[in-house]
Every structure is written in C-alpha cells, then in structure tokens.
Amino acid sequence: MVRHTRKLDKDSHKIDESWLIPYADLLVLLLALFIVLFSSSEIDAKKMEKLASSLNAYLDGGTSILEGDTKVKTADDFDNGDLTTIDETNFTPHYGEYNLESLKNELQAYINNNELNSQLKIEVNKSELKLTISDNILFDPGSAVVKFESRKLALTISTLLENYPDYQVLVAGHTDNIPHHSAEFESNWELSSTRALNYMKILLNNEHLDPRNFSYTGHSEYRPVASNDTAVGREANRRVEVSITKKIDE
C-alpha cells in the first residue's frame, strides 16, 4: 500500500507537456502565412507617402518648413523685373511631410510680414484651405489684369504648393451686384471668370506645378459673403478665393 501511494505522488508531479505540440503547429502556420504575404506583396513608396500625408493631416501634425533648414523662396527673393522664374537653389520640396496646417502657417507668416491681414483671410479645416484675397489689392476697378505688386503673393503661393503635389487648387472669382458692361466684359460673369483665370495663370508660371491639379471658375455676384446694400459689403464680396483640397484617389 505504501509503495502504491508513493508511485501516485511521483506521477502527480509530472508536467503535462502535450500542449506544446498544437502550439508549435500554430507558430509554424503563422510563420508560413507571413512568408506568403511578404512574398506576394510589394512596397509602394508613393502610396506610403500618401498614407503618411493623410495621417499627418488628420492629426494636424507635419513639419513646417519654417521649422526646418529648407529655405522657401518667395517673390521677394527675385528681381522686381522678373516674377516668373523660380530658382531651385537650396530648395528641395520634401513630399509627404506637409499638410494644410503647415501651408496655413507659411501663408500667415507672409501675410503678417507684409501687413496684409486686412486684405487676406485664411480658413482651414482638415480637407480644405481657402485663401480669400480682396480685389482691391489684385485689380483696378473693372479690370482683370493682376497688379504687378500683387503677383508676389501669387508666386509665394505657387512656391509653397510645390510641397503639395497631391492637392487640387481651385481659383474662384467673385464680384458685387453692380452690373458691369464694357467692350471687354459683357457682364460680371466674364469679369469674375477672367480674373480667376488670370490669377491661376500666375500660379502656373511655376513649371514645377502640375496644371492638371488646377482649375478656375467665376461666380459673378451670386455667392456673396456680405450684404450688397452697403459699400463695405460690396467690397467684401469682390474677391478671389484660392481653395486647396486633398485629391481623392480614384
């Protein structure tokens, strides 16, 4: 009887290792799955950059070019007689590192430095940045020719846009409700459309931008932001809007 009890006690201390077999089989299956997935996939660097850009935009993260060593050239860096050439010396856009919040910071710095807060307004959300420019600094009354001194802002915008190849740009022209008729423009429709077109052309003087990402439109008097019953309201309605939005992959 004693011997039998000791045998039971000895057997009770044995460790059940039967679980190791299915565990090992599971590890082998997982390893085989990872090998198959890895061998059948390719790393698309461009898609990875788009993913990183989208995540940064969602988190309002990203690196501002004002915080790095890269120097962005604005129109102030060029001779006053040539506002159409952009020198790439010491300027290499880092695609995927920027988002709309970064662009807003760059534009706001330019506006502050040039004391243009009363003439320009920036609105931004996670999908669109809209820059509203008063027509007083862009055009003479009844004209669609962009003033020479106002082209500096357009060139600053175009230079910054090099960092946003996956964004679309829409330039929209707006007028007040005072009827316009001249030999050049039959109505406010033609005036607002031509103003938007001419401003877009200045942006596209930068050969590093893709024209397929750009478009323009004219809204005449039909999208006011203030009452046309007062001079102040009509002045607010006469404007050009530059809207920058993330492209949707097809």
C-alpha atoms as a PDB file:
ATOM      1  CA  MET A   1       0.000   0.000   0.000  1.00  0.00           C
ATOM      2  CA  VAL A   2       2.805   2.357   0.814  1.00  0.00           C
ATOM      3  CA  ARG A   3       4.599   1.669  -2.413  1.00  0.00           C
ATOM      4  CA  HIS A   4       1.481   2.388  -4.427  1.00  0.00           C
ATOM      5  CA  THR A   5       0.991   5.735  -2.685  1.00  0.00           C
ATOM      6  CA  ARG A   6       4.499   6.829  -3.430  1.00  0.00           C
ATOM      7  CA  LYS A   7       4.028   5.949  -7.084  1.00  0.00           C
ATOM      8  CA  LEU A   8       0.936   8.132  -7.279  1.00  0.00           C
ATOM      9  CA  ASP A   9       2.720  11.001  -5.608  1.00  0.00           C
ATOM     10  CA  LYS A  10       5.574  10.726  -8.051  1.00  0.00           C
ATOM     11  CA  ASP A  11       3.248  10.679 -11.080  1.00  0.00           C
ATOM     12  CA  SER A  12       1.285  13.699  -9.815  1.00  0.00           C
ATOM     13  CA  HIS A  13       4.372  15.896 -10.074  1.00  0.00           C
ATOM     14  CA  LYS A  14       4.855  15.232 -13.769  1.00  0.00           C
ATOM     15  CA  ILE A  15       4.254  18.310 -16.070  1.00  0.00           C
ATOM     16  CA  ASP A  16       1.761  17.838 -18.853  1.00  0.00           C
ATOM     17  CA  GLU A  17       3.578  18.993 -21.999  1.00  0.00           C
ATOM     18  CA  SER A  18       1.001  17.837 -24.506  1.00  0.00           C
ATOM     19  CA  TRP A  19       0.030  21.476 -25.248  1.00  0.00           C
ATOM     20  CA  LEU A  20       3.419  22.120 -26.867  1.00  0.00           C
ATOM     21  CA  ILE A  21       2.503  20.168 -29.997  1.00  0.00           C
ATOM     22  CA  PRO A  22      -0.525  22.284 -31.111  1.00  0.00           C
ATOM     23  CA  TYR A  23       1.285  25.463 -30.005  1.00  0.00           C
ATOM     24  CA  ALA A  24       4.270  24.612 -32.194  1.00  0.00           C
ATOM     25  CA  ASP A  25       1.946  23.796 -35.086  1.00  0.00           C
ATOM     26  CA  LEU A  26       0.257  27.202 -34.693  1.00  0.00           C
ATOM     27  CA  LEU A  27       3.601  29.023 -34.769  1.00  0.00           C
ATOM     28  CA  VAL A  28       4.602  27.161 -37.932  1.00  0.00           C
ATOM     29  CA  LEU A  29       1.309  28.101 -39.613  1.00  0.00           C
ATOM     30  CA  LEU A  30       1.700  31.776 -38.663  1.00  0.00           C
ATOM     31  CA  LEU A  31       5.261  31.831 -39.975  1.00  0.00           C
ATOM     32  CA  ALA A  32       4.126  30.281 -43.251  1.00  0.00           C
ATOM     33  CA  LEU A  33       1.342  32.871 -43.540  1.00  0.00           C
ATOM     34  CA  PHE A  34       3.748  35.786 -43.031  1.00  0.00           C
ATOM     35  CA  ILE A  35       6.125  34.366 -45.624  1.00  0.00           C
ATOM     36  CA  VAL A  36       3.332  34.051 -48.195  1.00  0.00           C
ATOM     37  CA  LEU A  37       2.046  37.568 -47.523  1.00  0.00           C
ATOM     38  CA  PHE A  38       5.510  39.083 -47.717  1.00  0.00           C
ATOM     39  CA  SER A  39       6.414  37.272 -50.943  1.00  0.00           C
ATOM     40  CA  SER A  40       3.177  38.298 -52.658  1.00  0.00           C
ATOM     41  CA  SER A  41       3.271  41.975 -51.745  1.00  0.00           C
ATOM     42  CA  GLU A  42       5.203  44.993 -52.961  1.00  0.00           C
ATOM     43  CA  ILE A  43       6.011  48.158 -51.063  1.00  0.00           C
ATOM     44  CA  ASP A  44       4.711  51.142 -52.974  1.00  0.00           C
ATOM     45  CA  ALA A  45       6.683  54.139 -51.738  1.00  0.00           C
ATOM     46  CA  LYS A  46       4.282  56.602 -53.275  1.00  0.00           C
ATOM     47  CA  LYS A  47       1.300  55.043 -51.501  1.00  0.00           C
ATOM     48  CA  MET A  48       3.220  55.041 -48.263  1.00  0.00           C
ATOM     49  CA  GLU A  49       3.881  58.757 -48.687  1.00  0.00           C
ATOM     50  CA  LYS A  50       0.184  59.400 -49.339  1.00  0.00           C
ATOM     51  CA  LEU A  51      -0.722  57.403 -46.254  1.00  0.00           C
ATOM     52  CA  ALA A  52       1.740  59.328 -44.119  1.00  0.00           C
ATOM     53  CA  SER A  53       0.452  62.629 -45.511  1.00  0.00           C
ATOM     54  CA  SER A  54      -3.154  61.658 -44.794  1.00  0.00           C
ATOM     55  CA  LEU A  55      -2.326  60.608 -41.258  1.00  0.00           C
ATOM     56  CA  ASN A  56      -0.447  63.834 -40.648  1.00  0.00           C
ATOM     57  CA  ALA A  57      -3.360  65.865 -41.984  1.00  0.00           C
ATOM     58  CA  TYR A  58      -5.804  64.025 -39.741  1.00  0.00           C
ATOM     59  CA  LEU A  59      -3.645  64.541 -36.677  1.00  0.00           C
ATOM     60  CA  ASP A  60      -2.798  68.166 -37.577  1.00  0.00           C
ATOM     61  CA  GLY A  61       0.826  67.155 -37.423  1.00  0.00           C
ATOM     62  CA  GLY A  62       3.568  67.549 -40.002  1.00  0.00           C
ATOM     63  CA  THR A  63       6.671  69.607 -40.133  1.00  0.00           C
ATOM     64  CA  SER A  64       6.536  73.254 -41.069  1.00  0.00           C
ATOM     65  CA  ILE A  65       9.190  74.442 -43.459  1.00  0.00           C
ATOM     66  CA  LEU A  66       9.684  77.389 -41.151  1.00  0.00           C
ATOM     67  CA  GLU A  67      10.925  74.893 -38.550  1.00  0.00           C
ATOM     68  CA  GLY A  68      13.417  73.146 -40.787  1.00  0.00           C
ATOM     69  CA  ASP A  69      16.562  74.106 -42.654  1.00  0.00           C
ATOM     70  CA  THR A  70      14.840  74.333 -46.044  1.00  0.00           C
ATOM     71  CA  LYS A  71      14.512  77.898 -47.274  1.00  0.00           C
ATOM     72  CA  VAL A  72      11.434  78.651 -49.342  1.00  0.00           C
ATOM     73  CA  LYS A  73      11.996  81.335 -51.912  1.00  0.00           C
ATOM     74  CA  THR A  74       9.227  83.882 -52.296  1.00  0.00           C
ATOM     75  CA  ALA A  75       8.860  86.602 -54.871  1.00  0.00           C
ATOM     76  CA  ASP A  76      10.869  88.904 -52.598  1.00  0.00           C
ATOM     77  CA  ASP A  77      13.949  86.839 -53.491  1.00  0.00           C
ATOM     78  CA  PHE A  78      13.661  87.694 -57.182  1.00  0.00           C
ATOM     79  CA  ASP A  79      14.396  90.810 -59.153  1.00  0.00           C
ATOM     80  CA  ASN A  80      11.394  93.097 -59.439  1.00  0.00           C
ATOM     81  CA  GLY A  81      11.653  92.876 -63.202  1.00  0.00           C
ATOM     82  CA  ASP A  82      11.240  89.086 -63.291  1.00  0.00           C
ATOM     83  CA  LEU A  83       8.477  87.496 -61.268  1.00  0.00           C
ATOM     84  CA  THR A  84       8.064  84.367 -63.364  1.00  0.00           C
ATOM     85  CA  THR A  85      11.253  82.422 -62.649  1.00  0.00           C
ATOM     86  CA  ILE A  86      11.727  80.342 -59.533  1.00  0.00           C
ATOM     87  CA  ASP A  87      15.273  79.404 -58.612  1.00  0.00           C
ATOM     88  CA  GLU A  88      15.512  75.944 -57.046  1.00  0.00           C
ATOM     89  CA  THR A  89      18.897  76.578 -55.440  1.00  0.00           C
ATOM     90  CA  ASN A  90      18.856  75.274 -51.861  1.00  0.00           C
ATOM     91  CA  PHE A  91      15.190  74.437 -52.171  1.00  0.00           C
ATOM     92  CA  THR A  92      14.097  70.820 -52.349  1.00  0.00           C
ATOM     93  CA  PRO A  93      10.463  70.067 -51.501  1.00  0.00           C
ATOM     94  CA  HIS A  94      10.032  67.145 -49.114  1.00  0.00           C
ATOM     95  CA  TYR A  95       6.885  65.497 -50.391  1.00  0.00           C
ATOM     96  CA  GLY A  96       4.636  63.930 -47.821  1.00  0.00           C
ATOM     97  CA  GLU A  97       5.880  65.977 -44.866  1.00  0.00           C
ATOM     98  CA  TYR A  98       3.369  68.800 -45.171  1.00  0.00           C
ATOM     99  CA  ASN A  99      -0.330  69.300 -44.655  1.00  0.00           C
ATOM    100  CA  LEU A 100      -2.807  72.147 -44.843  1.00  0.00           C
ATOM    101  CA  GLU A 101      -1.972  73.372 -41.351  1.00  0.00           C
ATOM    102  CA  SER A 102       1.662  73.752 -42.419  1.00  0.00           C
ATOM    103  CA  LEU A 103       0.626  75.680 -45.521  1.00  0.00           C
ATOM    104  CA  LYS A 104      -1.582  77.935 -43.415  1.00  0.00           C
ATOM    105  CA  ASN A 105       1.366  78.751 -41.149  1.00  0.00           C
ATOM    106  CA  GLU A 106       3.574  79.643 -44.121  1.00  0.00           C
ATOM    107  CA  LEU A 107       0.937  81.872 -45.705  1.00  0.00           C
ATOM    108  CA  GLN A 108       0.073  83.523 -42.413  1.00  0.00           C
ATOM    109  CA  ALA A 109       3.743  84.343 -41.857  1.00  0.00           C
ATOM    110  CA  TYR A 110       3.849  86.028 -45.279  1.00  0.00           C
ATOM    111  CA  ILE A 111       0.638  87.953 -44.554  1.00  0.00           C
ATOM    112  CA  ASN A 112       1.930  89.136 -41.177  1.00  0.00           C
ATOM    113  CA  ASN A 113       5.322  90.159 -42.541  1.00  0.00           C
ATOM    114  CA  ASN A 114       3.690  92.192 -45.321  1.00  0.00           C
ATOM    115  CA  GLU A 115       0.903  93.645 -43.155  1.00  0.00           C
ATOM    116  CA  LEU A 116      -1.838  92.191 -45.334  1.00  0.00           C
ATOM    117  CA  ASN A 117      -4.207  90.967 -42.632  1.00  0.00           C
ATOM    118  CA  SER A 118      -6.926  93.405 -43.676  1.00  0.00           C
ATOM    119  CA  GLN A 119      -6.784  92.209 -47.305  1.00  0.00           C
ATOM    120  CA  LEU A 120      -6.367  88.456 -46.921  1.00  0.00           C
ATOM    121  CA  LYS A 121      -8.109  85.801 -44.853  1.00  0.00           C
ATOM    122  CA  ILE A 122      -7.248  82.136 -44.368  1.00  0.00           C
ATOM    123  CA  GLU A 123      -9.719  79.435 -43.412  1.00  0.00           C
ATOM    124  CA  VAL A 124      -8.630  75.829 -42.939  1.00  0.00           C
ATOM    125  CA  ASN A 125     -10.133  72.531 -41.919  1.00  0.00           C
ATOM    126  CA  LYS A 126      -8.869  69.004 -42.336  1.00  0.00           C
ATOM    127  CA  SER A 127      -9.811  68.813 -46.009  1.00  0.00           C
ATOM    128  CA  GLU A 128      -9.571  72.347 -47.412  1.00  0.00           C
ATOM    129  CA  LEU A 129      -7.600  75.546 -47.072  1.00  0.00           C
ATOM    130  CA  LYS A 130      -9.249  78.645 -48.520  1.00  0.00           C
ATOM    131  CA  LEU A 131      -7.353  81.871 -49.041  1.00  0.00           C
ATOM    132  CA  THR A 132      -9.621  84.871 -49.674  1.00  0.00           C
ATOM    133  CA  ILE A 133      -7.987  87.872 -51.353  1.00  0.00           C
ATOM    134  CA  SER A 134      -9.669  91.261 -51.626  1.00  0.00           C
ATOM    135  CA  ASP A 135      -9.905  92.512 -55.193  1.00  0.00           C
ATOM    136  CA  ASN A 136      -8.598  95.923 -54.056  1.00  0.00           C
ATOM    137  CA  ILE A 137      -5.046  94.608 -53.955  1.00  0.00           C
ATOM    138  CA  LEU A 138      -5.413  92.498 -57.096  1.00  0.00           C
ATOM    139  CA  PHE A 139      -7.180  94.569 -59.742  1.00  0.00           C
ATOM    140  CA  ASP A 140      -8.089  98.060 -60.771  1.00  0.00           C
ATOM    141  CA  PRO A 141     -11.861  98.687 -60.992  1.00  0.00           C
ATOM    142  CA  GLY A 142     -13.369  96.895 -63.977  1.00  0.00           C
ATOM    143  CA  SER A 143     -10.012  95.289 -64.878  1.00  0.00           C
ATOM    144  CA  ALA A 144      -8.918  91.644 -64.836  1.00  0.00           C
ATOM    145  CA  VAL A 145      -5.198  92.395 -65.057  1.00  0.00           C
ATOM    146  CA  VAL A 146      -3.441  91.404 -61.828  1.00  0.00           C
ATOM    147  CA  LYS A 147      -1.496  94.299 -60.371  1.00  0.00           C
ATOM    148  CA  PHE A 148       2.261  93.852 -60.621  1.00  0.00           C
ATOM    149  CA  GLU A 149       2.870  94.254 -56.900  1.00  0.00           C
ATOM    150  CA  SER A 150       0.208  91.632 -56.115  1.00  0.00           C
ATOM    151  CA  ARG A 151       1.980  88.958 -58.112  1.00  0.00           C
ATOM    152  CA  LYS A 152       4.408  88.474 -55.223  1.00  0.00           C
ATOM    153  CA  LEU A 153       1.704  86.759 -53.202  1.00  0.00           C
ATOM    154  CA  ALA A 154       0.760  84.501 -56.120  1.00  0.00           C
ATOM    155  CA  LEU A 155       4.365  83.446 -56.572  1.00  0.00           C
ATOM    156  CA  THR A 156       4.744  82.791 -52.870  1.00  0.00           C
ATOM    157  CA  ILE A 157       1.681  80.541 -53.015  1.00  0.00           C
ATOM    158  CA  SER A 158       2.945  78.723 -56.103  1.00  0.00           C
ATOM    159  CA  THR A 159       6.336  78.070 -54.500  1.00  0.00           C
ATOM    160  CA  LEU A 160       4.743  76.642 -51.367  1.00  0.00           C
ATOM    161  CA  LEU A 161       2.439  74.477 -53.464  1.00  0.00           C
ATOM    162  CA  GLU A 162       5.439  72.514 -54.710  1.00  0.00           C
ATOM    163  CA  ASN A 163       5.233  70.661 -51.400  1.00  0.00           C
ATOM    164  CA  TYR A 164       1.624  69.610 -52.100  1.00  0.00           C
ATOM    165  CA  PRO A 165       1.603  67.587 -55.340  1.00  0.00           C
ATOM    166  CA  ASP A 166      -1.401  65.584 -54.162  1.00  0.00           C
ATOM    167  CA  TYR A 167      -3.624  68.637 -53.700  1.00  0.00           C
ATOM    168  CA  GLN A 168      -6.052  70.320 -56.086  1.00  0.00           C
ATOM    169  CA  VAL A 169      -6.251  74.091 -56.478  1.00  0.00           C
ATOM    170  CA  LEU A 170      -9.425  75.936 -57.483  1.00  0.00           C
ATOM    171  CA  VAL A 171      -9.313  79.682 -58.149  1.00  0.00           C
ATOM    172  CA  ALA A 172     -12.721  81.383 -57.990  1.00  0.00           C
ATOM    173  CA  GLY A 173     -13.613  84.954 -58.890  1.00  0.00           C
ATOM    174  CA  HIS A 174     -16.453  86.909 -57.244  1.00  0.00           C
ATOM    175  CA  THR A 175     -17.976  90.362 -57.838  1.00  0.00           C
ATOM    176  CA  ASP A 176     -20.589  92.546 -56.173  1.00  0.00           C
ATOM    177  CA  ASN A 177     -24.049  93.034 -57.655  1.00  0.00           C
ATOM    178  CA  ILE A 178     -23.354  96.261 -59.513  1.00  0.00           C
ATOM    179  CA  PRO A 179     -23.893  95.468 -63.224  1.00  0.00           C
ATOM    180  CA  HIS A 180     -20.750  95.636 -65.303  1.00  0.00           C
ATOM    181  CA  HIS A 181     -20.676  96.132 -69.035  1.00  0.00           C
ATOM    182  CA  SER A 182     -17.727  97.133 -71.174  1.00  0.00           C
ATOM    183  CA  ALA A 183     -16.170  96.365 -74.509  1.00  0.00           C
ATOM    184  CA  GLU A 184     -14.042  93.704 -72.812  1.00  0.00           C
ATOM    185  CA  PHE A 185     -16.574  92.171 -70.412  1.00  0.00           C
ATOM    186  CA  GLU A 186     -20.278  91.921 -71.128  1.00  0.00           C
ATOM    187  CA  SER A 187     -21.218  91.151 -67.519  1.00  0.00           C
ATOM    188  CA  ASN A 188     -19.904  90.222 -64.094  1.00  0.00           C
ATOM    189  CA  TRP A 189     -19.759  86.614 -65.241  1.00  0.00           C
ATOM    190  CA  GLU A 190     -16.999  87.344 -67.724  1.00  0.00           C
ATOM    191  CA  LEU A 191     -15.225  89.696 -65.320  1.00  0.00           C
ATOM    192  CA  SER A 192     -15.150  87.233 -62.413  1.00  0.00           C
ATOM    193  CA  SER A 193     -14.121  84.318 -64.636  1.00  0.00           C
ATOM    194  CA  THR A 194     -11.304  86.222 -66.333  1.00  0.00           C
ATOM    195  CA  ARG A 195      -9.953  87.471 -63.025  1.00  0.00           C
ATOM    196  CA  ALA A 196      -9.821  83.900 -61.716  1.00  0.00           C
ATOM    197  CA  LEU A 197      -8.175  82.681 -64.912  1.00  0.00           C
ATOM    198  CA  ASN A 198      -5.501  85.375 -64.879  1.00  0.00           C
ATOM    199  CA  TYR A 199      -4.633  84.704 -61.247  1.00  0.00           C
ATOM    200  CA  MET A 200      -4.400  80.966 -61.919  1.00  0.00           C
ATOM    201  CA  LYS A 201      -2.030  81.615 -64.821  1.00  0.00           C
ATOM    202  CA  ILE A 202       0.374  83.410 -62.495  1.00  0.00           C
ATOM    203  CA  LEU A 203       0.338  80.446 -60.120  1.00  0.00           C
ATOM    204  CA  LEU A 204       1.147  78.160 -63.037  1.00  0.00           C
ATOM    205  CA  ASN A 205       4.176  80.205 -64.068  1.00  0.00           C
ATOM    206  CA  ASN A 206       5.933  77.762 -61.754  1.00  0.00           C
ATOM    207  CA  GLU A 207       6.951  74.883 -64.027  1.00  0.00           C
ATOM    208  CA  HIS A 208       7.164  72.502 -61.071  1.00  0.00           C
ATOM    209  CA  LEU A 209       3.395  72.542 -60.582  1.00  0.00           C
ATOM    210  CA  ASP A 210       1.107  70.134 -62.434  1.00  0.00           C
ATOM    211  CA  PRO A 211      -1.544  72.060 -64.432  1.00  0.00           C
ATOM    212  CA  ARG A 212      -3.859  69.058 -64.136  1.00  0.00           C
ATOM    213  CA  ASN A 213      -4.313  69.921 -60.460  1.00  0.00           C
ATOM    214  CA  PHE A 214      -5.596  73.430 -61.246  1.00  0.00           C
ATOM    215  CA  SER A 215      -8.954  74.822 -62.306  1.00  0.00           C
ATOM    216  CA  TYR A 216     -10.808  78.142 -62.200  1.00  0.00           C
ATOM    217  CA  THR A 217     -14.357  79.415 -62.130  1.00  0.00           C
ATOM    218  CA  GLY A 218     -16.327  82.649 -61.943  1.00  0.00           C
ATOM    219  CA  HIS A 219     -19.366  83.080 -59.691  1.00  0.00           C
ATOM    220  CA  SER A 220     -20.237  86.650 -60.648  1.00  0.00           C
ATOM    221  CA  GLU A 221     -22.352  88.236 -57.870  1.00  0.00           C
ATOM    222  CA  TYR A 222     -24.174  85.092 -56.828  1.00  0.00           C
ATOM    223  CA  ARG A 223     -22.118  83.888 -53.868  1.00  0.00           C
ATOM    224  CA  PRO A 224     -21.869  86.956 -51.641  1.00  0.00           C
ATOM    225  CA  VAL A 225     -20.346  86.834 -48.165  1.00  0.00           C
ATOM    226  CA  ALA A 226     -21.897  90.141 -47.102  1.00  0.00           C
ATOM    227  CA  SER A 227     -24.814  92.383 -47.979  1.00  0.00           C
ATOM    228  CA  ASN A 228     -24.569  94.247 -51.262  1.00  0.00           C
ATOM    229  CA  ASP A 229     -26.668  97.044 -49.768  1.00  0.00           C
ATOM    230  CA  THR A 230     -23.603  98.794 -48.339  1.00  0.00           C
ATOM    231  CA  ALA A 231     -20.240  99.837 -49.748  1.00  0.00           C
ATOM    232  CA  VAL A 232     -18.463  97.779 -47.094  1.00  0.00           C
ATOM    233  CA  GLY A 233     -20.473  94.708 -48.006  1.00  0.00           C
ATOM    234  CA  ARG A 234     -19.877  95.112 -51.717  1.00  0.00           C
ATOM    235  CA  GLU A 235     -16.142  95.483 -51.081  1.00  0.00           C
ATOM    236  CA  ALA A 236     -16.136  92.201 -49.137  1.00  0.00           C
ATOM    237  CA  ASN A 237     -17.940  90.449 -51.980  1.00  0.00           C
ATOM    238  CA  ARG A 238     -15.384  91.498 -54.589  1.00  0.00           C
ATOM    239  CA  ARG A 239     -12.721  88.866 -54.055  1.00  0.00           C
ATOM    240  CA  VAL A 240     -10.689  85.965 -55.383  1.00  0.00           C
ATOM    241  CA  GLU A 241     -10.660  82.694 -53.463  1.00  0.00           C
ATOM    242  CA  VAL A 242      -7.921  80.079 -53.774  1.00  0.00           C
ATOM    243  CA  SER A 243      -9.134  76.733 -52.429  1.00  0.00           C
ATOM    244  CA  ILE A 244      -6.657  73.907 -51.856  1.00  0.00           C
ATOM    245  CA  THR A 245      -8.016  70.424 -51.206  1.00  0.00           C
ATOM    246  CA  LYS A 246      -6.592  66.919 -50.945  1.00  0.00           C
ATOM    247  CA  LYS A 247      -7.155  64.874 -54.074  1.00  0.00           C
ATOM    248  CA  ILE A 248      -9.320  61.775 -53.739  1.00  0.00           C
ATOM    249  CA  ASP A 249      -7.664  58.694 -55.164  1.00  0.00           C
ATOM    250  CA  GLU A 250      -9.703  57.165 -57.950  1.00  0.00           C
END
